[in-house]
């Protein structure tokens, strides 16, 4: 998820959902009418790079061994995938709550300008 916030207040005003972001998404800016220098981006998830890495999947499948009997077989399959850079993975649990069917969403938070952390807003004060 890419979270857009005002740098002077930390208030979140827009998001781009997702866990893995490509260059096009990372270069994107959502503007609420403020100057682009006053808009910050907070990323939770992975940034996809152009660099490739080898990856091994372990695949389980059932094969018939005769007379209706099956056997579970594990095999490894090699392939390549884009290497990813992690961003704010300590906030991944919050991202999962946003994605799940909970009443919690990114607009229940703001970015603490001094620490760069997400803090929950007490909406009862409004």
C-alpha atoms as a PDB file:
ATOM      1  CA  UNK A   1       0.000   0.000   0.000  1.00  0.00           C
ATOM      2  CA  UNK A   2       1.212   3.484  -0.795  1.00  0.00           C
ATOM      3  CA  UNK A   3      -0.145   6.096   1.602  1.00  0.00           C
ATOM      4  CA  UNK A   4      -0.154   9.773   0.644  1.00  0.00           C
ATOM      5  CA  UNK A   5      -0.060  12.298   3.467  1.00  0.00           C
ATOM      6  CA  UNK A   6       0.519  15.989   4.092  1.00  0.00           C
ATOM      7  CA  UNK A   7       4.091  16.487   5.293  1.00  0.00           C
ATOM      8  CA  UNK A   8       3.173  19.359   7.606  1.00  0.00           C
ATOM      9  CA  UNK A   9       0.316  17.582   9.455  1.00  0.00           C
ATOM     10  CA  UNK A  10       0.740  13.874   8.733  1.00  0.00           C
ATOM     11  CA  UNK A  11      -2.918  13.637   7.682  1.00  0.00           C
ATOM     12  CA  UNK A  12      -3.543  10.823   5.203  1.00  0.00           C
ATOM     13  CA  UNK A  13      -5.662  11.819   2.214  1.00  0.00           C
ATOM     14  CA  UNK A  14      -5.230   9.005  -0.349  1.00  0.00           C
ATOM     15  CA  UNK A  15      -3.920   5.461  -0.837  1.00  0.00           C
ATOM     16  CA  UNK A  16      -2.966   3.018  -3.581  1.00  0.00           C
ATOM     17  CA  UNK A  17      -3.824  -0.529  -2.522  1.00  0.00           C
ATOM     18  CA  UNK A  18      -1.546  -3.495  -3.088  1.00  0.00           C
ATOM     19  CA  UNK A  19       1.417  -5.270  -1.592  1.00  0.00           C
ATOM     20  CA  UNK A  20       3.898  -5.237  -4.499  1.00  0.00           C
ATOM     21  CA  UNK A  21       4.412  -1.989  -6.402  1.00  0.00           C
ATOM     22  CA  UNK A  22       6.140  -1.469  -9.726  1.00  0.00           C
ATOM     23  CA  UNK A  23       7.986   1.664 -10.892  1.00  0.00           C
ATOM     24  CA  UNK A  24       4.858   3.140 -12.457  1.00  0.00           C
ATOM     25  CA  UNK A  25       2.959   3.002  -9.160  1.00  0.00           C
ATOM     26  CA  UNK A  26       5.936   4.258  -7.156  1.00  0.00           C
ATOM     27  CA  UNK A  27       6.341   7.265  -9.471  1.00  0.00           C
ATOM     28  CA  UNK A  28       2.651   8.102  -9.140  1.00  0.00           C
ATOM     29  CA  UNK A  29       1.539  11.040  -7.015  1.00  0.00           C
ATOM     30  CA  UNK A  30      -1.950  11.807  -5.846  1.00  0.00           C
ATOM     31  CA  UNK A  31      -2.443  15.494  -5.217  1.00  0.00           C
ATOM     32  CA  UNK A  32      -5.123  16.997  -3.003  1.00  0.00           C
ATOM     33  CA  UNK A  33      -4.430  20.475  -4.377  1.00  0.00           C
ATOM     34  CA  UNK A  34      -1.356  21.054  -2.224  1.00  0.00           C
ATOM     35  CA  UNK A  35       2.137  21.657  -3.611  1.00  0.00           C
ATOM     36  CA  UNK A  36       3.853  18.342  -4.477  1.00  0.00           C
ATOM     37  CA  UNK A  37       6.747  19.182  -2.119  1.00  0.00           C
ATOM     38  CA  UNK A  38       4.240  19.082   0.772  1.00  0.00           C
ATOM     39  CA  UNK A  39       3.044  15.557  -0.044  1.00  0.00           C
ATOM     40  CA  UNK A  40       4.732  12.514   1.451  1.00  0.00           C
ATOM     41  CA  UNK A  41       4.527   8.832   0.548  1.00  0.00           C
ATOM     42  CA  UNK A  42       4.549   6.021   3.090  1.00  0.00           C
ATOM     43  CA  UNK A  43       4.948   2.533   1.588  1.00  0.00           C
ATOM     44  CA  UNK A  44       3.996  -0.736   3.287  1.00  0.00           C
ATOM     45  CA  UNK A  45       4.985  -3.765   1.242  1.00  0.00           C
ATOM     46  CA  UNK A  46       7.422  -4.427  -1.548  1.00  0.00           C
ATOM     47  CA  UNK A  47       8.982  -2.416  -4.341  1.00  0.00           C
ATOM     48  CA  UNK A  48       9.535  -4.476  -7.478  1.00  0.00           C
ATOM     49  CA  UNK A  49      12.933  -3.918  -9.109  1.00  0.00           C
ATOM     50  CA  UNK A  50      14.245  -4.726 -12.593  1.00  0.00           C
ATOM     51  CA  UNK A  51      16.749  -7.159 -11.091  1.00  0.00           C
ATOM     52  CA  UNK A  52      15.796 -10.838 -11.294  1.00  0.00           C
ATOM     53  CA  UNK A  53      16.450 -13.535  -8.697  1.00  0.00           C
ATOM     54  CA  UNK A  54      16.195 -17.322  -8.722  1.00  0.00           C
ATOM     55  CA  UNK A  55      13.322 -18.734  -6.710  1.00  0.00           C
ATOM     56  CA  UNK A  56      12.376 -22.304  -5.847  1.00  0.00           C
ATOM     57  CA  UNK A  57       8.732 -23.278  -5.335  1.00  0.00           C
ATOM     58  CA  UNK A  58       7.938 -26.461  -3.477  1.00  0.00           C
ATOM     59  CA  UNK A  59       4.896 -28.036  -5.109  1.00  0.00           C
ATOM     60  CA  UNK A  60       2.782 -30.818  -3.623  1.00  0.00           C
ATOM     61  CA  UNK A  61       0.670 -32.978  -5.877  1.00  0.00           C
ATOM     62  CA  UNK A  62      -1.203 -36.250  -5.646  1.00  0.00           C
ATOM     63  CA  UNK A  63      -0.315 -38.994  -8.106  1.00  0.00           C
ATOM     64  CA  UNK A  64      -2.199 -42.240  -8.596  1.00  0.00           C
ATOM     65  CA  UNK A  65      -0.144 -45.297  -7.694  1.00  0.00           C
ATOM     66  CA  UNK A  66      -2.811 -47.835  -8.720  1.00  0.00           C
ATOM     67  CA  UNK A  67      -6.169 -49.261  -7.692  1.00  0.00           C
ATOM     68  CA  UNK A  68      -7.495 -45.815  -6.708  1.00  0.00           C
ATOM     69  CA  UNK A  69      -4.633 -45.213  -4.286  1.00  0.00           C
ATOM     70  CA  UNK A  70      -2.851 -41.874  -4.343  1.00  0.00           C
ATOM     71  CA  UNK A  71       0.483 -40.736  -3.039  1.00  0.00           C
ATOM     72  CA  UNK A  72       1.465 -37.193  -2.096  1.00  0.00           C
ATOM     73  CA  UNK A  73       4.622 -36.136  -3.931  1.00  0.00           C
ATOM     74  CA  UNK A  74       6.682 -33.017  -3.343  1.00  0.00           C
ATOM     75  CA  UNK A  75       8.803 -31.549  -6.089  1.00  0.00           C
ATOM     76  CA  UNK A  76      10.792 -28.384  -6.483  1.00  0.00           C
ATOM     77  CA  UNK A  77      10.399 -26.073  -9.425  1.00  0.00           C
ATOM     78  CA  UNK A  78      12.926 -23.329 -10.199  1.00  0.00           C
ATOM     79  CA  UNK A  79      11.956 -20.060 -11.819  1.00  0.00           C
ATOM     80  CA  UNK A  80      12.941 -16.412 -11.830  1.00  0.00           C
ATOM     81  CA  UNK A  81      11.056 -13.494 -10.375  1.00  0.00           C
ATOM     82  CA  UNK A  82      11.677  -9.797  -9.920  1.00  0.00           C
ATOM     83  CA  UNK A  83      13.709  -8.974  -6.835  1.00  0.00           C
ATOM     84  CA  UNK A  84      11.773  -6.871  -4.336  1.00  0.00           C
ATOM     85  CA  UNK A  85      12.797  -4.314  -1.727  1.00  0.00           C
ATOM     86  CA  UNK A  86      10.864  -4.350   1.562  1.00  0.00           C
ATOM     87  CA  UNK A  87       9.329  -1.166   2.962  1.00  0.00           C
ATOM     88  CA  UNK A  88       7.956  -0.765   6.513  1.00  0.00           C
ATOM     89  CA  UNK A  89       7.319  -4.471   7.005  1.00  0.00           C
ATOM     90  CA  UNK A  90       6.924  -3.842  10.730  1.00  0.00           C
ATOM     91  CA  UNK A  91       3.565  -2.244   9.716  1.00  0.00           C
ATOM     92  CA  UNK A  92       2.449  -5.288   7.697  1.00  0.00           C
ATOM     93  CA  UNK A  93      -0.069  -6.318  10.364  1.00  0.00           C
ATOM     94  CA  UNK A  94      -1.785  -2.939   9.968  1.00  0.00           C
ATOM     95  CA  UNK A  95      -1.889  -3.438   6.181  1.00  0.00           C
ATOM     96  CA  UNK A  96      -3.558  -6.822   6.690  1.00  0.00           C
ATOM     97  CA  UNK A  97      -6.221  -5.228   8.897  1.00  0.00           C
ATOM     98  CA  UNK A  98      -6.901  -2.643   6.172  1.00  0.00           C
ATOM     99  CA  UNK A  99      -7.292  -5.433   3.584  1.00  0.00           C
ATOM    100  CA  UNK A 100      -9.524  -7.640   5.735  1.00  0.00           C
ATOM    101  CA  UNK A 101     -13.186  -6.979   6.327  1.00  0.00           C
ATOM    102  CA  UNK A 102     -12.607  -4.891   9.428  1.00  0.00           C
ATOM    103  CA  UNK A 103     -13.896  -1.410  10.097  1.00  0.00           C
ATOM    104  CA  UNK A 104     -10.275  -0.207  10.251  1.00  0.00           C
ATOM    105  CA  UNK A 105      -8.857   1.714   7.286  1.00  0.00           C
ATOM    106  CA  UNK A 106      -5.852   3.943   6.528  1.00  0.00           C
ATOM    107  CA  UNK A 107      -7.880   7.077   7.201  1.00  0.00           C
ATOM    108  CA  UNK A 108      -8.108   6.033  10.866  1.00  0.00           C
ATOM    109  CA  UNK A 109      -4.381   6.847  11.060  1.00  0.00           C
ATOM    110  CA  UNK A 110      -1.952   9.642  10.419  1.00  0.00           C
ATOM    111  CA  UNK A 111       1.801   9.698   9.870  1.00  0.00           C
ATOM    112  CA  UNK A 112       3.790  10.930  12.856  1.00  0.00           C
ATOM    113  CA  UNK A 113       6.064  13.467  11.168  1.00  0.00           C
ATOM    114  CA  UNK A 114       8.850  13.186  13.766  1.00  0.00           C
ATOM    115  CA  UNK A 115       9.102   9.356  13.834  1.00  0.00           C
ATOM    116  CA  UNK A 116       7.636   8.310  10.475  1.00  0.00           C
ATOM    117  CA  UNK A 117       5.285   5.867  12.207  1.00  0.00           C
ATOM    118  CA  UNK A 118       1.561   5.402  11.687  1.00  0.00           C
ATOM    119  CA  UNK A 119      -0.471   6.473  14.699  1.00  0.00           C
ATOM    120  CA  UNK A 120      -4.151   5.826  15.249  1.00  0.00           C
ATOM    121  CA  UNK A 121      -6.331   8.943  15.409  1.00  0.00           C
ATOM    122  CA  UNK A 122      -8.764   9.262  18.289  1.00  0.00           C
ATOM    123  CA  UNK A 123     -11.901  10.203  16.353  1.00  0.00           C
ATOM    124  CA  UNK A 124     -13.913  10.709  19.535  1.00  0.00           C
ATOM    125  CA  UNK A 125     -12.200  14.090  19.958  1.00  0.00           C
ATOM    126  CA  UNK A 126     -13.717  15.456  16.740  1.00  0.00           C
END
